[in-house]
C-alpha atoms as a PDB file:
ATOM      1  CA  UNK A   1       0.000   0.000   0.000  1.00  0.00           C
ATOM      2  CA  UNK A   2       1.438   3.385  -0.945  1.00  0.00           C
ATOM      3  CA  UNK A   3       0.859   6.851   0.513  1.00  0.00           C
ATOM      4  CA  UNK A   4      -1.924   7.698  -1.935  1.00  0.00           C
ATOM      5  CA  UNK A   5      -4.263   5.113  -0.425  1.00  0.00           C
ATOM      6  CA  UNK A   6      -4.053   6.328   3.164  1.00  0.00           C
ATOM      7  CA  UNK A   7      -7.202   8.034   4.432  1.00  0.00           C
ATOM      8  CA  UNK A   8      -5.675   9.481   7.603  1.00  0.00           C
ATOM      9  CA  UNK A   9      -2.244  10.617   8.759  1.00  0.00           C
ATOM     10  CA  UNK A  10      -0.983  11.761  12.143  1.00  0.00           C
ATOM     11  CA  UNK A  11       2.380  13.181  13.162  1.00  0.00           C
ATOM     12  CA  UNK A  12       3.717  11.854  16.489  1.00  0.00           C
ATOM     13  CA  UNK A  13       6.917  12.634  18.377  1.00  0.00           C
ATOM     14  CA  UNK A  14       8.876   9.953  20.210  1.00  0.00           C
ATOM     15  CA  UNK A  15       8.974  10.636  23.941  1.00  0.00           C
ATOM     16  CA  UNK A  16      12.065   9.811  25.975  1.00  0.00           C
ATOM     17  CA  UNK A  17      10.217   7.429  28.292  1.00  0.00           C
ATOM     18  CA  UNK A  18       9.329   5.233  25.297  1.00  0.00           C
ATOM     19  CA  UNK A  19      12.990   4.341  24.751  1.00  0.00           C
ATOM     20  CA  UNK A  20      14.358   1.048  26.056  1.00  0.00           C
ATOM     21  CA  UNK A  21      17.836   0.079  27.273  1.00  0.00           C
ATOM     22  CA  UNK A  22      18.968  -0.395  23.665  1.00  0.00           C
ATOM     23  CA  UNK A  23      18.235   3.285  22.878  1.00  0.00           C
ATOM     24  CA  UNK A  24      15.295   2.547  20.581  1.00  0.00           C
ATOM     25  CA  UNK A  25      11.528   2.720  20.999  1.00  0.00           C
ATOM     26  CA  UNK A  26      10.322  -0.346  22.884  1.00  0.00           C
ATOM     27  CA  UNK A  27       8.283  -2.618  20.619  1.00  0.00           C
ATOM     28  CA  UNK A  28       5.151  -2.366  22.807  1.00  0.00           C
ATOM     29  CA  UNK A  29       4.967   1.389  22.261  1.00  0.00           C
ATOM     30  CA  UNK A  30       4.169   0.860  18.593  1.00  0.00           C
ATOM     31  CA  UNK A  31       0.833  -0.630  19.685  1.00  0.00           C
ATOM     32  CA  UNK A  32       0.147   2.675  21.474  1.00  0.00           C
ATOM     33  CA  UNK A  33       1.059   4.701  18.380  1.00  0.00           C
ATOM     34  CA  UNK A  34      -1.228   2.582  16.217  1.00  0.00           C
ATOM     35  CA  UNK A  35      -4.080   2.801  18.719  1.00  0.00           C
ATOM     36  CA  UNK A  36      -3.684   6.556  19.152  1.00  0.00           C
ATOM     37  CA  UNK A  37      -3.850   6.955  15.367  1.00  0.00           C
ATOM     38  CA  UNK A  38      -7.074   4.912  15.155  1.00  0.00           C
ATOM     39  CA  UNK A  39      -8.651   6.917  17.989  1.00  0.00           C
ATOM     40  CA  UNK A  40      -7.756  10.229  16.327  1.00  0.00           C
ATOM     41  CA  UNK A  41      -9.076   8.966  13.001  1.00  0.00           C
ATOM     42  CA  UNK A  42     -12.385   7.884  14.543  1.00  0.00           C
ATOM     43  CA  UNK A  43     -12.817  11.250  16.271  1.00  0.00           C
ATOM     44  CA  UNK A  44     -12.058  13.157  13.070  1.00  0.00           C
ATOM     45  CA  UNK A  45     -14.457  10.921  11.139  1.00  0.00           C
ATOM     46  CA  UNK A  46     -17.237  11.876  13.578  1.00  0.00           C
ATOM     47  CA  UNK A  47     -17.374   8.648  15.565  1.00  0.00           C
ATOM     48  CA  UNK A  48     -15.182   9.091  18.646  1.00  0.00           C
ATOM     49  CA  UNK A  49     -14.846   6.282  21.155  1.00  0.00           C
ATOM     50  CA  UNK A  50     -16.923   8.334  23.594  1.00  0.00           C
ATOM     51  CA  UNK A  51     -19.746   8.692  21.060  1.00  0.00           C
ATOM     52  CA  UNK A  52     -19.545   4.947  20.309  1.00  0.00           C
ATOM     53  CA  UNK A  53     -19.924   4.102  24.001  1.00  0.00           C
ATOM     54  CA  UNK A  54     -22.935   6.408  24.287  1.00  0.00           C
ATOM     55  CA  UNK A  55     -24.770   4.346  21.677  1.00  0.00           C
ATOM     56  CA  UNK A  56     -23.660   1.023  23.149  1.00  0.00           C
ATOM     57  CA  UNK A  57     -20.839   0.211  20.719  1.00  0.00           C
ATOM     58  CA  UNK A  58     -17.484  -1.075  21.933  1.00  0.00           C
ATOM     59  CA  UNK A  59     -14.811  -1.686  19.294  1.00  0.00           C
ATOM     60  CA  UNK A  60     -12.564  -4.558  20.348  1.00  0.00           C
ATOM     61  CA  UNK A  61      -9.278  -5.719  18.837  1.00  0.00           C
ATOM     62  CA  UNK A  62      -9.438  -9.254  17.569  1.00  0.00           C
ATOM     63  CA  UNK A  63      -6.064  -9.458  15.823  1.00  0.00           C
ATOM     64  CA  UNK A  64      -2.865  -7.423  15.407  1.00  0.00           C
ATOM     65  CA  UNK A  65      -0.017  -8.297  13.064  1.00  0.00           C
ATOM     66  CA  UNK A  66       3.059  -6.027  13.074  1.00  0.00           C
ATOM     67  CA  UNK A  67       6.214  -6.027  10.990  1.00  0.00           C
ATOM     68  CA  UNK A  68       8.979  -4.001  12.656  1.00  0.00           C
ATOM     69  CA  UNK A  69      11.219  -2.569   9.946  1.00  0.00           C
ATOM     70  CA  UNK A  70      13.309   0.357  11.224  1.00  0.00           C
ATOM     71  CA  UNK A  71      13.707   1.478  14.850  1.00  0.00           C
ATOM     72  CA  UNK A  72      12.741   4.912  16.106  1.00  0.00           C
ATOM     73  CA  UNK A  73      14.947   6.740  18.595  1.00  0.00           C
ATOM     74  CA  UNK A  74      14.659   9.620  21.045  1.00  0.00           C
ATOM     75  CA  UNK A  75      13.953  12.883  19.225  1.00  0.00           C
ATOM     76  CA  UNK A  76      12.494  11.212  16.127  1.00  0.00           C
ATOM     77  CA  UNK A  77       9.141  12.125  14.673  1.00  0.00           C
ATOM     78  CA  UNK A  78       6.911   9.759  12.787  1.00  0.00           C
ATOM     79  CA  UNK A  79       4.008   9.891  10.365  1.00  0.00           C
ATOM     80  CA  UNK A  80       1.395   7.324  11.345  1.00  0.00           C
ATOM     81  CA  UNK A  81      -0.958   6.496   8.465  1.00  0.00           C
ATOM     82  CA  UNK A  82      -3.979   4.287   8.028  1.00  0.00           C
ATOM     83  CA  UNK A  83      -6.407   2.895   5.525  1.00  0.00           C
ATOM     84  CA  UNK A  84      -9.361   0.664   6.328  1.00  0.00           C
ATOM     85  CA  UNK A  85     -11.591  -1.955   4.813  1.00  0.00           C
ATOM     86  CA  UNK A  86     -14.518  -4.046   5.942  1.00  0.00           C
ATOM     87  CA  UNK A  87     -14.507  -7.845   5.871  1.00  0.00           C
ATOM     88  CA  UNK A  88     -17.976  -8.892   6.979  1.00  0.00           C
ATOM     89  CA  UNK A  89     -18.328  -7.892  10.641  1.00  0.00           C
ATOM     90  CA  UNK A  90     -14.594  -7.095  10.884  1.00  0.00           C
ATOM     91  CA  UNK A  91     -12.957  -3.735  10.243  1.00  0.00           C
ATOM     92  CA  UNK A  92      -9.356  -4.047   9.122  1.00  0.00           C
ATOM     93  CA  UNK A  93      -6.974  -1.143   9.561  1.00  0.00           C
ATOM     94  CA  UNK A  94      -3.862  -1.151   7.399  1.00  0.00           C
ATOM     95  CA  UNK A  95      -1.446   0.995   9.358  1.00  0.00           C
ATOM     96  CA  UNK A  96       2.027   2.143   8.455  1.00  0.00           C
ATOM     97  CA  UNK A  97       4.469   4.314  10.369  1.00  0.00           C
ATOM     98  CA  UNK A  98       7.234   6.234   8.606  1.00  0.00           C
ATOM     99  CA  UNK A  99      10.129   8.082  10.226  1.00  0.00           C
ATOM    100  CA  UNK A 100      10.936  11.748   9.546  1.00  0.00           C
ATOM    101  CA  UNK A 101      12.993  10.690   6.511  1.00  0.00           C
ATOM    102  CA  UNK A 102      10.070   8.772   4.992  1.00  0.00           C
ATOM    103  CA  UNK A 103      11.561   5.367   5.737  1.00  0.00           C
ATOM    104  CA  UNK A 104       9.077   2.639   6.718  1.00  0.00           C
ATOM    105  CA  UNK A 105       9.211   1.862  10.438  1.00  0.00           C
ATOM    106  CA  UNK A 106       6.205  -0.391  11.004  1.00  0.00           C
ATOM    107  CA  UNK A 107       3.581  -2.075   8.846  1.00  0.00           C
ATOM    108  CA  UNK A 108       0.574  -3.438  10.695  1.00  0.00           C
ATOM    109  CA  UNK A 109      -2.791  -5.002  10.036  1.00  0.00           C
ATOM    110  CA  UNK A 110      -5.211  -4.452  12.911  1.00  0.00           C
ATOM    111  CA  UNK A 111      -8.584  -6.194  12.968  1.00  0.00           C
ATOM    112  CA  UNK A 112     -11.439  -4.779  15.032  1.00  0.00           C
ATOM    113  CA  UNK A 113     -14.904  -6.148  15.748  1.00  0.00           C
ATOM    114  CA  UNK A 114     -17.762  -4.273  17.346  1.00  0.00           C
ATOM    115  CA  UNK A 115     -19.796  -5.252  20.361  1.00  0.00           C
ATOM    116  CA  UNK A 116     -23.277  -3.744  20.516  1.00  0.00           C
ATOM    117  CA  UNK A 117     -24.668  -3.675  24.033  1.00  0.00           C
ATOM    118  CA  UNK A 118     -22.116  -6.329  25.015  1.00  0.00           C
ATOM    119  CA  UNK A 119     -22.797  -8.738  22.136  1.00  0.00           C
ATOM    120  CA  UNK A 120     -20.864  -9.283  18.946  1.00  0.00           C
ATOM    121  CA  UNK A 121     -22.508  -7.243  16.194  1.00  0.00           C
ATOM    122  CA  UNK A 122     -22.457  -7.273  12.406  1.00  0.00           C
ATOM    123  CA  UNK A 123     -20.829  -3.821  12.529  1.00  0.00           C
ATOM    124  CA  UNK A 124     -23.710  -2.090  10.781  1.00  0.00           C
ATOM    125  CA  UNK A 125     -23.469   1.116  12.825  1.00  0.00           C
ATOM    126  CA  UNK A 126     -19.730   1.448  12.302  1.00  0.00           C
ATOM    127  CA  UNK A 127     -20.046   0.639   8.607  1.00  0.00           C
ATOM    128  CA  UNK A 128     -22.566   3.460   8.253  1.00  0.00           C
ATOM    129  CA  UNK A 129     -20.366   5.888  10.205  1.00  0.00           C
ATOM    130  CA  UNK A 130     -17.281   5.045   8.133  1.00  0.00           C
ATOM    131  CA  UNK A 131     -18.997   4.455   4.775  1.00  0.00           C
ATOM    132  CA  UNK A 132     -17.034   7.174   2.969  1.00  0.00           C
ATOM    133  CA  UNK A 133     -13.753   5.501   3.995  1.00  0.00           C
ATOM    134  CA  UNK A 134     -14.617   1.884   3.157  1.00  0.00           C
END
C-alpha cells in the first residue's frame, strides 16, 4: 500500500520514556502509536470512542499483526498512516508508520470487531459511520 491510499495521517513525536535500554523505541509502544492513530481517526471521522460508548458500541481488537522494519529513537518524529476496509463484521486497519525521513518503520494489520450492548454485532453502525472511507 502506498501513501496515496491512506485516508488518515498523524504526526507523532517519540517521547524519551518510550525508549528502552537499547536506545530505541520499545516494541510495545508501537501498539500505542497505532491505537492513538485509530482513535484520532475515529474522532475526526465523527465517531469518537466516547460517542460509540454512548450508543452502546465497543470496538474490540481481535487481531494485530506487526512487521517491525526500522527502529525509532529519542527525538524522532513519525508519520502514522492508516487505511481501512470491511470484511464482513470485521474492520481491518492497514497501518504504516514512517520516520521523519520517509523510511518505513512499522507495517501493521489491525482487525477490530464491534460489540453492541455487550454482544458481537455485524458492525452495521460502524459501517454506516465510516462508509465514505470503506
